[in-house]
Amino acid sequence: MTIALGRIPKEENDLFDTMDDWLRRDRFVFVGWSGLLLFPCAYFALGGWFTGTTFVTSWYTHGLASSYLEGCNS
């Protein structure tokens, strides 16, 4: 049987506690720990959308529609 007499107070926050406080902060868009996984997925999805609408569209139109990422170089 174990008896706990007291806890040693933690004086300094480590990196995990600092990140946890920042991620759980009340804000308009809640980030949370799952947001760390969602940010790269959203980044790659947006990049894929830009790539598909830019280069694939210009390939099928044979240069008739200029790319918004390349300017007027069609």
PDB file of N, CA and C in Angstrom:
ATOM      1  N   MET A   1       0.832  -1.168   0.000  1.00  0.00           N
ATOM      2  CA  MET A   1       0.000   0.000   0.000  1.00  0.00           C
ATOM      3  C   MET A   1       0.888   1.247   0.000  1.00  0.00           C
ATOM      4  N   THR A   2       0.507   2.220  -0.799  1.00  0.00           N
ATOM      5  CA  THR A   2       1.311   3.434  -0.942  1.00  0.00           C
ATOM      6  C   THR A   2       0.576   4.618  -0.343  1.00  0.00           C
ATOM      7  N   ILE A   3       1.297   5.412   0.395  1.00  0.00           N
ATOM      8  CA  ILE A   3       0.719   6.617   0.982  1.00  0.00           C
ATOM      9  C   ILE A   3       1.411   7.825   0.357  1.00  0.00           C
ATOM     10  N   ALA A   4       0.621   8.719  -0.209  1.00  0.00           N
ATOM     11  CA  ALA A   4       1.173   9.939  -0.792  1.00  0.00           C
ATOM     12  C   ALA A   4       1.051  11.061   0.228  1.00  0.00           C
ATOM     13  N   LEU A   5       2.177  11.595   0.638  1.00  0.00           N
ATOM     14  CA  LEU A   5       2.161  12.645   1.648  1.00  0.00           C
ATOM     15  C   LEU A   5       2.044  14.036   1.030  1.00  0.00           C
ATOM     16  N   GLY A   6       2.565  14.212  -0.115  1.00  0.00           N
ATOM     17  CA  GLY A   6       2.523  15.538  -0.738  1.00  0.00           C
ATOM     18  C   GLY A   6       3.167  15.487  -2.115  1.00  0.00           C
ATOM     19  N   ARG A   7       2.878  16.511  -2.868  1.00  0.00           N
ATOM     20  CA  ARG A   7       3.469  16.591  -4.202  1.00  0.00           C
ATOM     21  C   ARG A   7       4.530  17.673  -4.208  1.00  0.00           C
ATOM     22  N   ILE A   8       5.558  17.419  -4.936  1.00  0.00           N
ATOM     23  CA  ILE A   8       6.593  18.431  -5.093  1.00  0.00           C
ATOM     24  C   ILE A   8       6.097  19.437  -6.124  1.00  0.00           C
ATOM     25  N   PRO A   9       6.015  20.708  -5.753  1.00  0.00           N
ATOM     26  CA  PRO A   9       5.502  21.686  -6.721  1.00  0.00           C
ATOM     27  C   PRO A   9       6.459  21.863  -7.897  1.00  0.00           C
ATOM     28  N   LYS A  10       5.880  22.006  -9.043  1.00  0.00           N
ATOM     29  CA  LYS A  10       6.659  22.172 -10.262  1.00  0.00           C
ATOM     30  C   LYS A  10       6.837  23.669 -10.491  1.00  0.00           C
ATOM     31  N   GLU A  11       8.062  24.142 -10.441  1.00  0.00           N
ATOM     32  CA  GLU A  11       8.297  25.576 -10.536  1.00  0.00           C
ATOM     33  C   GLU A  11       8.389  26.055 -11.980  1.00  0.00           C
ATOM     34  N   GLU A  12       8.978  25.266 -12.850  1.00  0.00           N
ATOM     35  CA  GLU A  12       9.166  25.693 -14.235  1.00  0.00           C
ATOM     36  C   GLU A  12       8.314  24.840 -15.158  1.00  0.00           C
ATOM     37  N   ASN A  13       7.741  25.478 -16.141  1.00  0.00           N
ATOM     38  CA  ASN A  13       7.006  24.735 -17.165  1.00  0.00           C
ATOM     39  C   ASN A  13       7.992  24.232 -18.210  1.00  0.00           C
ATOM     40  N   ASP A  14       7.829  22.984 -18.588  1.00  0.00           N
ATOM     41  CA  ASP A  14       8.671  22.456 -19.648  1.00  0.00           C
ATOM     42  C   ASP A  14       8.027  22.753 -21.002  1.00  0.00           C
ATOM     43  N   LEU A  15       8.641  22.278 -22.055  1.00  0.00           N
ATOM     44  CA  LEU A  15       8.169  22.570 -23.414  1.00  0.00           C
ATOM     45  C   LEU A  15       6.776  22.003 -23.654  1.00  0.00           C
ATOM     46  N   PHE A  16       6.507  20.819 -23.122  1.00  0.00           N
ATOM     47  CA  PHE A  16       5.184  20.211 -23.308  1.00  0.00           C
ATOM     48  C   PHE A  16       4.091  21.062 -22.667  1.00  0.00           C
ATOM     49  N   ASP A  17       4.329  21.537 -21.453  1.00  0.00           N
ATOM     50  CA  ASP A  17       3.325  22.365 -20.775  1.00  0.00           C
ATOM     51  C   ASP A  17       3.102  23.686 -21.504  1.00  0.00           C
ATOM     52  N   THR A  18       4.173  24.270 -22.016  1.00  0.00           N
ATOM     53  CA  THR A  18       4.044  25.524 -22.759  1.00  0.00           C
ATOM     54  C   THR A  18       3.239  25.320 -24.033  1.00  0.00           C
ATOM     55  N   MET A  19       3.534  24.246 -24.770  1.00  0.00           N
ATOM     56  CA  MET A  19       2.779  23.957 -25.994  1.00  0.00           C
ATOM     57  C   MET A  19       1.327  23.623 -25.675  1.00  0.00           C
ATOM     58  N   ASP A  20       1.111  22.883 -24.604  1.00  0.00           N
ATOM     59  CA  ASP A  20      -0.248  22.501 -24.233  1.00  0.00           C
ATOM     60  C   ASP A  20      -1.081  23.728 -23.864  1.00  0.00           C
ATOM     61  N   ASP A  21      -0.474  24.661 -23.144  1.00  0.00           N
ATOM     62  CA  ASP A  21      -1.195  25.896 -22.803  1.00  0.00           C
ATOM     63  C   ASP A  21      -1.525  26.703 -24.049  1.00  0.00           C
ATOM     64  N   TRP A  22      -0.585  26.779 -24.991  1.00  0.00           N
ATOM     65  CA  TRP A  22      -0.824  27.556 -26.209  1.00  0.00           C
ATOM     66  C   TRP A  22      -1.876  26.889 -27.091  1.00  0.00           C
ATOM     67  N   LEU A  23      -1.834  25.561 -27.193  1.00  0.00           N
ATOM     68  CA  LEU A  23      -2.780  24.857 -28.057  1.00  0.00           C
ATOM     69  C   LEU A  23      -4.194  24.866 -27.488  1.00  0.00           C
ATOM     70  N   ARG A  24      -4.335  24.881 -26.180  1.00  0.00           N
ATOM     71  CA  ARG A  24      -5.665  24.847 -25.556  1.00  0.00           C
ATOM     72  C   ARG A  24      -6.217  26.239 -25.239  1.00  0.00           C
ATOM     73  N   ARG A  25      -5.515  27.275 -25.655  1.00  0.00           N
ATOM     74  CA  ARG A  25      -5.961  28.642 -25.378  1.00  0.00           C
ATOM     75  C   ARG A  25      -7.288  28.924 -26.074  1.00  0.00           C
ATOM     76  N   ASP A  26      -8.117  29.713 -25.419  1.00  0.00           N
ATOM     77  CA  ASP A  26      -9.407  30.092 -26.013  1.00  0.00           C
ATOM     78  C   ASP A  26      -9.171  31.105 -27.120  1.00  0.00           C
ATOM     79  N   ARG A  27      -9.580  30.769 -28.321  1.00  0.00           N
ATOM     80  CA  ARG A  27      -9.475  31.666 -29.462  1.00  0.00           C
ATOM     81  C   ARG A  27     -10.633  31.386 -30.390  1.00  0.00           C
ATOM     82  N   PHE A  28     -10.787  32.211 -31.406  1.00  0.00           N
ATOM     83  CA  PHE A  28     -11.914  32.062 -32.326  1.00  0.00           C
ATOM     84  C   PHE A  28     -11.847  30.725 -33.065  1.00  0.00           C
ATOM     85  N   VAL A  29     -10.670  30.361 -33.547  1.00  0.00           N
ATOM     86  CA  VAL A  29     -10.469  29.058 -34.184  1.00  0.00           C
ATOM     87  C   VAL A  29      -9.643  28.219 -33.222  1.00  0.00           C
ATOM     88  N   PHE A  30     -10.257  27.181 -32.674  1.00  0.00           N
ATOM     89  CA  PHE A  30      -9.562  26.325 -31.711  1.00  0.00           C
ATOM     90  C   PHE A  30      -8.573  25.432 -32.443  1.00  0.00           C
ATOM     91  N   VAL A  31      -7.326  25.453 -32.015  1.00  0.00           N
ATOM     92  CA  VAL A  31      -6.287  24.666 -32.684  1.00  0.00           C
ATOM     93  C   VAL A  31      -6.257  23.258 -32.108  1.00  0.00           C
ATOM     94  N   GLY A  32      -5.903  23.128 -30.857  1.00  0.00           N
ATOM     95  CA  GLY A  32      -5.837  21.816 -30.220  1.00  0.00           C
ATOM     96  C   GLY A  32      -4.699  20.964 -30.756  1.00  0.00           C
ATOM     97  N   TRP A  33      -4.528  19.803 -30.119  1.00  0.00           N
ATOM     98  CA  TRP A  33      -3.447  18.915 -30.545  1.00  0.00           C
ATOM     99  C   TRP A  33      -3.733  18.295 -31.906  1.00  0.00           C
ATOM    100  N   SER A  34      -5.007  18.066 -32.235  1.00  0.00           N
ATOM    101  CA  SER A  34      -5.319  17.492 -33.548  1.00  0.00           C
ATOM    102  C   SER A  34      -5.029  18.478 -34.666  1.00  0.00           C
ATOM    103  N   GLY A  35      -5.015  19.765 -34.346  1.00  0.00           N
ATOM    104  CA  GLY A  35      -4.681  20.760 -35.354  1.00  0.00           C
ATOM    105  C   GLY A  35      -3.262  20.627 -35.864  1.00  0.00           C
ATOM    106  N   LEU A  36      -2.384  20.058 -35.051  1.00  0.00           N
ATOM    107  CA  LEU A  36      -1.011  19.842 -35.515  1.00  0.00           C
ATOM    108  C   LEU A  36      -0.971  18.864 -36.677  1.00  0.00           C
ATOM    109  N   LEU A  37      -1.921  17.935 -36.723  1.00  0.00           N
ATOM    110  CA  LEU A  37      -2.001  17.006 -37.846  1.00  0.00           C
ATOM    111  C   LEU A  37      -2.812  17.579 -38.998  1.00  0.00           C
ATOM    112  N   LEU A  38      -3.784  18.436 -38.689  1.00  0.00           N
ATOM    113  CA  LEU A  38      -4.650  18.963 -39.741  1.00  0.00           C
ATOM    114  C   LEU A  38      -3.974  20.050 -40.565  1.00  0.00           C
ATOM    115  N   PHE A  39      -3.068  20.826 -39.967  1.00  0.00           N
ATOM    116  CA  PHE A  39      -2.413  21.894 -40.713  1.00  0.00           C
ATOM    117  C   PHE A  39      -1.616  21.380 -41.908  1.00  0.00           C
ATOM    118  N   PRO A  40      -0.760  20.346 -41.759  1.00  0.00           N
ATOM    119  CA  PRO A  40      -0.040  19.868 -42.952  1.00  0.00           C
ATOM    120  C   PRO A  40      -0.967  19.244 -43.979  1.00  0.00           C
ATOM    121  N   CYS A  41      -2.021  18.570 -43.542  1.00  0.00           N
ATOM    122  CA  CYS A  41      -2.961  17.975 -44.499  1.00  0.00           C
ATOM    123  C   CYS A  41      -3.668  19.061 -45.300  1.00  0.00           C
ATOM    124  N   ALA A  42      -4.075  20.128 -44.634  1.00  0.00           N
ATOM    125  CA  ALA A  42      -4.730  21.229 -45.339  1.00  0.00           C
ATOM    126  C   ALA A  42      -3.752  21.921 -46.271  1.00  0.00           C
ATOM    127  N   TYR A  43      -2.494  22.022 -45.863  1.00  0.00           N
ATOM    128  CA  TYR A  43      -1.480  22.654 -46.710  1.00  0.00           C
ATOM    129  C   TYR A  43      -1.268  21.854 -47.988  1.00  0.00           C
ATOM    130  N   PHE A  44      -1.128  20.544 -47.862  1.00  0.00           N
ATOM    131  CA  PHE A  44      -0.911  19.712 -49.048  1.00  0.00           C
ATOM    132  C   PHE A  44      -2.153  19.641 -49.922  1.00  0.00           C
ATOM    133  N   ALA A  45      -3.331  19.651 -49.324  1.00  0.00           N
ATOM    134  CA  ALA A  45      -4.557  19.622 -50.117  1.00  0.00           C
ATOM    135  C   ALA A  45      -4.699  20.903 -50.928  1.00  0.00           C
ATOM    136  N   LEU A  46      -4.380  22.041 -50.329  1.00  0.00           N
ATOM    137  CA  LEU A  46      -4.454  23.311 -51.047  1.00  0.00           C
ATOM    138  C   LEU A  46      -3.410  23.359 -52.155  1.00  0.00           C
ATOM    139  N   GLY A  47      -2.227  22.845 -51.888  1.00  0.00           N
ATOM    140  CA  GLY A  47      -1.194  22.794 -52.922  1.00  0.00           C
ATOM    141  C   GLY A  47      -1.590  21.894 -54.074  1.00  0.00           C
ATOM    142  N   GLY A  48      -2.224  20.774 -53.780  1.00  0.00           N
ATOM    143  CA  GLY A  48      -2.707  19.895 -54.844  1.00  0.00           C
ATOM    144  C   GLY A  48      -3.797  20.539 -55.670  1.00  0.00           C
ATOM    145  N   TRP A  49      -4.654  21.311 -55.015  1.00  0.00           N
ATOM    146  CA  TRP A  49      -5.722  22.000 -55.747  1.00  0.00           C
ATOM    147  C   TRP A  49      -5.130  23.051 -56.680  1.00  0.00           C
ATOM    148  N   PHE A  50      -4.149  23.820 -56.185  1.00  0.00           N
ATOM    149  CA  PHE A  50      -3.505  24.817 -57.043  1.00  0.00           C
ATOM    150  C   PHE A  50      -2.792  24.154 -58.216  1.00  0.00           C
ATOM    151  N   THR A  51      -2.116  23.042 -57.953  1.00  0.00           N
ATOM    152  CA  THR A  51      -1.408  22.347 -59.028  1.00  0.00           C
ATOM    153  C   THR A  51      -2.382  21.818 -60.064  1.00  0.00           C
ATOM    154  N   GLY A  52      -3.476  21.222 -59.610  1.00  0.00           N
ATOM    155  CA  GLY A  52      -4.447  20.661 -60.544  1.00  0.00           C
ATOM    156  C   GLY A  52      -5.147  21.713 -61.368  1.00  0.00           C
ATOM    157  N   THR A  53      -5.520  22.808 -60.750  1.00  0.00           N
ATOM    158  CA  THR A  53      -6.244  23.835 -61.499  1.00  0.00           C
ATOM    159  C   THR A  53      -5.319  24.655 -62.378  1.00  0.00           C
ATOM    160  N   THR A  54      -4.028  24.648 -62.083  1.00  0.00           N
ATOM    161  CA  THR A  54      -3.100  25.452 -62.880  1.00  0.00           C
ATOM    162  C   THR A  54      -2.551  24.664 -64.054  1.00  0.00           C
ATOM    163  N   PHE A  55      -1.824  23.594 -63.760  1.00  0.00           N
ATOM    164  CA  PHE A  55      -1.079  22.910 -64.811  1.00  0.00           C
ATOM    165  C   PHE A  55      -1.951  21.947 -65.608  1.00  0.00           C
ATOM    166  N   VAL A  56      -2.857  21.261 -64.949  1.00  0.00           N
ATOM    167  CA  VAL A  56      -3.722  20.331 -65.677  1.00  0.00           C
ATOM    168  C   VAL A  56      -4.666  21.104 -66.585  1.00  0.00           C
ATOM    169  N   THR A  57      -5.202  22.219 -66.084  1.00  0.00           N
ATOM    170  CA  THR A  57      -6.101  23.024 -66.910  1.00  0.00           C
ATOM    171  C   THR A  57      -5.367  23.590 -68.109  1.00  0.00           C
ATOM    172  N   SER A  58      -4.157  24.084 -67.912  1.00  0.00           N
ATOM    173  CA  SER A  58      -3.421  24.648 -69.043  1.00  0.00           C
ATOM    174  C   SER A  58      -2.993  23.547 -70.017  1.00  0.00           C
ATOM    175  N   TRP A  59      -2.816  22.313 -69.536  1.00  0.00           N
ATOM    176  CA  TRP A  59      -2.461  21.215 -70.434  1.00  0.00           C
ATOM    177  C   TRP A  59      -3.639  20.877 -71.351  1.00  0.00           C
ATOM    178  N   TYR A  60      -4.837  20.827 -70.773  1.00  0.00           N
ATOM    179  CA  TYR A  60      -6.006  20.464 -71.579  1.00  0.00           C
ATOM    180  C   TYR A  60      -6.452  21.581 -72.511  1.00  0.00           C
ATOM    181  N   THR A  61      -6.194  22.820 -72.164  1.00  0.00           N
ATOM    182  CA  THR A  61      -6.606  23.927 -73.034  1.00  0.00           C
ATOM    183  C   THR A  61      -5.508  24.317 -74.013  1.00  0.00           C
ATOM    184  N   HIS A  62      -4.360  23.637 -73.958  1.00  0.00           N
ATOM    185  CA  HIS A  62      -3.247  23.872 -74.888  1.00  0.00           C
ATOM    186  C   HIS A  62      -2.781  25.319 -74.860  1.00  0.00           C
ATOM    187  N   GLY A  63      -2.715  25.886 -73.681  1.00  0.00           N
ATOM    188  CA  GLY A  63      -2.175  27.232 -73.552  1.00  0.00           C
ATOM    189  C   GLY A  63      -3.157  28.336 -73.841  1.00  0.00           C
ATOM    190  N   LEU A  64      -4.433  28.025 -74.054  1.00  0.00           N
ATOM    191  CA  LEU A  64      -5.400  29.089 -74.302  1.00  0.00           C
ATOM    192  C   LEU A  64      -5.717  29.855 -73.025  1.00  0.00           C
ATOM    193  N   ALA A  65      -5.748  29.153 -71.901  1.00  0.00           N
ATOM    194  CA  ALA A  65      -6.002  29.810 -70.619  1.00  0.00           C
ATOM    195  C   ALA A  65      -4.673  29.986 -69.904  1.00  0.00           C
ATOM    196  N   SER A  66      -4.336  31.207 -69.591  1.00  0.00           N
ATOM    197  CA  SER A  66      -3.057  31.446 -68.919  1.00  0.00           C
ATOM    198  C   SER A  66      -3.154  31.020 -67.458  1.00  0.00           C
ATOM    199  N   SER A  67      -2.056  30.562 -66.929  1.00  0.00           N
ATOM    200  CA  SER A  67      -2.010  30.099 -65.550  1.00  0.00           C
ATOM    201  C   SER A  67      -1.939  31.285 -64.610  1.00  0.00           C
ATOM    202  N   TYR A  68      -2.659  31.228 -63.502  1.00  0.00           N
ATOM    203  CA  TYR A  68      -2.594  32.323 -62.540  1.00  0.00           C
ATOM    204  C   TYR A  68      -1.346  32.233 -61.682  1.00  0.00           C
ATOM    205  N   LEU A  69      -0.648  31.100 -61.686  1.00  0.00           N
ATOM    206  CA  LEU A  69       0.614  31.026 -60.962  1.00  0.00           C
ATOM    207  C   LEU A  69       1.790  31.435 -61.843  1.00  0.00           C
ATOM    208  N   GLU A  70       1.658  31.296 -63.141  1.00  0.00           N
ATOM    209  CA  GLU A  70       2.744  31.635 -64.051  1.00  0.00           C
ATOM    210  C   GLU A  70       2.535  32.984 -64.718  1.00  0.00           C
ATOM    211  N   GLY A  71       1.477  33.678 -64.401  1.00  0.00           N
ATOM    212  CA  GLY A  71       1.216  34.956 -65.047  1.00  0.00           C
ATOM    213  C   GLY A  71       0.668  34.745 -66.439  1.00  0.00           C
ATOM    214  N   CYS A  72       1.186  35.467 -67.398  1.00  0.00           N
ATOM    215  CA  CYS A  72       0.694  35.369 -68.781  1.00  0.00           C
ATOM    216  C   CYS A  72       1.570  34.468 -69.635  1.00  0.00           C
ATOM    217  N   ASN A  73       2.428  33.682 -69.021  1.00  0.00           N
ATOM    218  CA  ASN A  73       3.305  32.790 -69.791  1.00  0.00           C
ATOM    219  C   ASN A  73       2.542  31.518 -70.126  1.00  0.00           C
ATOM    220  N   SER A  74       1.776  31.526 -71.173  1.00  0.00           N
ATOM    221  CA  SER A  74       0.997  30.341 -71.525  1.00  0.00           C
ATOM    222  C   SER A  74       1.637  29.585 -72.668  1.00  0.00           C
TER     223      SER A  74
END
